[in-house]
C-alpha atoms as a PDB file:
ATOM      1  CA  SER A   1      -5.239 -19.314  13.900  1.00  0.00           C
ATOM      2  CA  MET A   2      -5.559 -22.160  17.215  1.00  0.00           C
ATOM      3  CA  PRO A   3      -7.978 -24.784  16.951  1.00  0.00           C
ATOM      4  CA  GLY A   4     -11.470 -23.681  18.108  1.00  0.00           C
ATOM      5  CA  GLU A   5     -10.366 -20.006  17.482  1.00  0.00           C
ATOM      6  CA  GLN A   6     -11.925 -16.777  14.686  1.00  0.00           C
ATOM      7  CA  ASP A   7      -9.810 -16.437  12.099  1.00  0.00           C
ATOM      8  CA  HIS A   8      -9.241 -12.564  12.172  1.00  0.00           C
ATOM      9  CA  GLY A   9      -7.000 -11.924   9.187  1.00  0.00           C
ATOM     10  CA  MET A  10      -4.050 -10.914   8.740  1.00  0.00           C
ATOM     11  CA  HIS A  11      -4.004  -7.626  11.159  1.00  0.00           C
ATOM     12  CA  GLY A  12      -1.040  -5.075  12.428  1.00  0.00           C
ATOM     13  CA  PHE A  13       1.240  -4.812   9.892  1.00  0.00           C
ATOM     14  CA  ALA A  14       0.923  -3.440   6.052  1.00  0.00           C
ATOM     15  CA  LEU A  15       3.608  -4.351   3.478  1.00  0.00           C
ATOM     16  CA  SER A  16       5.986  -1.845   2.455  1.00  0.00           C
ATOM     17  CA  LEU A  17       6.269  -1.300  -1.697  1.00  0.00           C
ATOM     18  CA  SER A  18       8.609   1.348  -3.427  1.00  0.00           C
ATOM     19  CA  TYR A  19       9.066   2.009  -7.596  1.00  0.00           C
ATOM     20  CA  PRO A  20      11.159   4.644  -8.862  1.00  0.00           C
ATOM     21  CA  THR A  21       8.297   5.954 -10.705  1.00  0.00           C
ATOM     22  CA  PRO A  22       5.072   7.670  -9.653  1.00  0.00           C
ATOM     23  CA  ALA A  23       3.435   5.954 -12.733  1.00  0.00           C
ATOM     24  CA  GLU A  24       4.694   2.202 -11.439  1.00  0.00           C
ATOM     25  CA  GLY A  25       3.934   2.912  -8.757  1.00  0.00           C
ATOM     26  CA  GLN A  26      -0.170   4.382  -9.683  1.00  0.00           C
ATOM     27  CA  LYS A  27       0.419   0.296 -11.593  1.00  0.00           C
ATOM     28  CA  VAL A  28       0.252  -1.715  -8.581  1.00  0.00           C
ATOM     29  CA  PHE A  29      -1.300   0.029  -6.639  1.00  0.00           C
ATOM     30  CA  ASP A  30      -4.356  -0.490  -8.841  1.00  0.00           C
ATOM     31  CA  ALA A  31      -3.807  -3.795  -9.368  1.00  0.00           C
ATOM     32  CA  LEU A  32      -3.680  -4.626  -5.821  1.00  0.00           C
ATOM     33  CA  ALA A  33      -7.031  -2.647  -5.109  1.00  0.00           C
ATOM     34  CA  ALA A  34      -8.150  -4.279  -7.996  1.00  0.00           C
ATOM     35  CA  GLY A  35     -11.116  -6.482  -5.366  1.00  0.00           C
ATOM     36  CA  GLY A  36      -9.795  -4.743  -2.530  1.00  0.00           C
ATOM     37  CA  LYS A  37      -9.662  -1.386  -0.573  1.00  0.00           C
ATOM     38  CA  VAL A  38      -8.411   1.392  -1.063  1.00  0.00           C
ATOM     39  CA  THR A  39      -7.810   3.616   2.824  1.00  0.00           C
ATOM     40  CA  MET A  40      -5.153   6.613   1.683  1.00  0.00           C
ATOM     41  CA  PRO A  41      -5.053   7.059  -2.665  1.00  0.00           C
ATOM     42  CA  MET A  42      -1.318   7.887  -3.929  1.00  0.00           C
ATOM     43  CA  GLY A  43      -0.583  11.359  -4.177  1.00  0.00           C
ATOM     44  CA  PRO A  44       2.448  13.609  -3.073  1.00  0.00           C
ATOM     45  CA  THR A  45       3.440  13.824   0.953  1.00  0.00           C
ATOM     46  CA  PHE A  46       6.179  14.795   1.877  1.00  0.00           C
ATOM     47  CA  TRP A  47       9.067  12.663   2.266  1.00  0.00           C
ATOM     48  CA  VAL A  48       8.187  11.064  -1.628  1.00  0.00           C
ATOM     49  CA  GLU A  49       6.520  11.844  -5.056  1.00  0.00           C
ATOM     50  CA  SER A  50       3.745   9.590  -4.798  1.00  0.00           C
ATOM     51  CA  PHE A  51       3.090   7.307  -2.330  1.00  0.00           C
ATOM     52  CA  GLY A  52      -0.626   5.165  -1.345  1.00  0.00           C
ATOM     53  CA  MET A  53      -2.205   2.626   1.284  1.00  0.00           C
ATOM     54  CA  LEU A  54      -4.329  -0.299   0.982  1.00  0.00           C
ATOM     55  CA  VAL A  55      -5.587  -3.678   1.285  1.00  0.00           C
ATOM     56  CA  ASP A  56      -6.328  -5.549  -1.437  1.00  0.00           C
ATOM     57  CA  ARG A  57      -9.295  -8.776  -2.116  1.00  0.00           C
ATOM     58  CA  PHE A  58      -7.338 -11.264   0.488  1.00  0.00           C
ATOM     59  CA  GLY A  59      -6.809  -8.659   3.400  1.00  0.00           C
ATOM     60  CA  THR A  60      -3.649  -7.938   2.776  1.00  0.00           C
ATOM     61  CA  ALA A  61      -2.118  -4.021   3.858  1.00  0.00           C
ATOM     62  CA  TRP A  62       0.137  -2.781   1.304  1.00  0.00           C
ATOM     63  CA  MET A  63       1.474   0.818   1.012  1.00  0.00           C
ATOM     64  CA  ILE A  64       3.306   1.884  -1.866  1.00  0.00           C
ATOM     65  CA  ASN A  65       6.722   4.725  -2.368  1.00  0.00           C
ATOM     66  CA  ALA A  66       6.936   5.444  -6.469  1.00  0.00           C
ATOM     67  CA  GLY A  67       8.713   8.066  -7.453  1.00  0.00           C
ATOM     68  CA  LYS A  68      11.942  10.657  -6.134  1.00  0.00           C
ATOM     69  CA  PRO A  69      12.442  11.255  -2.013  1.00  0.00           C
ATOM     70  CA  ALA A  70      11.019  14.443  -1.478  1.00  0.00           C
ATOM     71  CA  GLN A  71      14.062  16.838  -0.862  1.00  0.00           C
ATOM     72  CA  MET A  72      14.516  17.812   3.248  1.00  0.00           C
ATOM     73  CA  GLY A  73      16.455  20.384   3.982  1.00  0.00           C
END
């Protein structure tokens, strides 16, 4: 923030991580969620086996993709 202006924290973006299995993704998701806020629990989607979103205890937004990509077509 500029001197004299209020700090609004991190906003307007999210970091994205991908893991080869839902179990690995869930482990990282749970660790990042500790003390933070889950905005979308890990679960199946049309593009990957498991996906979830959260904001960690420092205010950073995360998106976790885990498992095999969905078969399109």
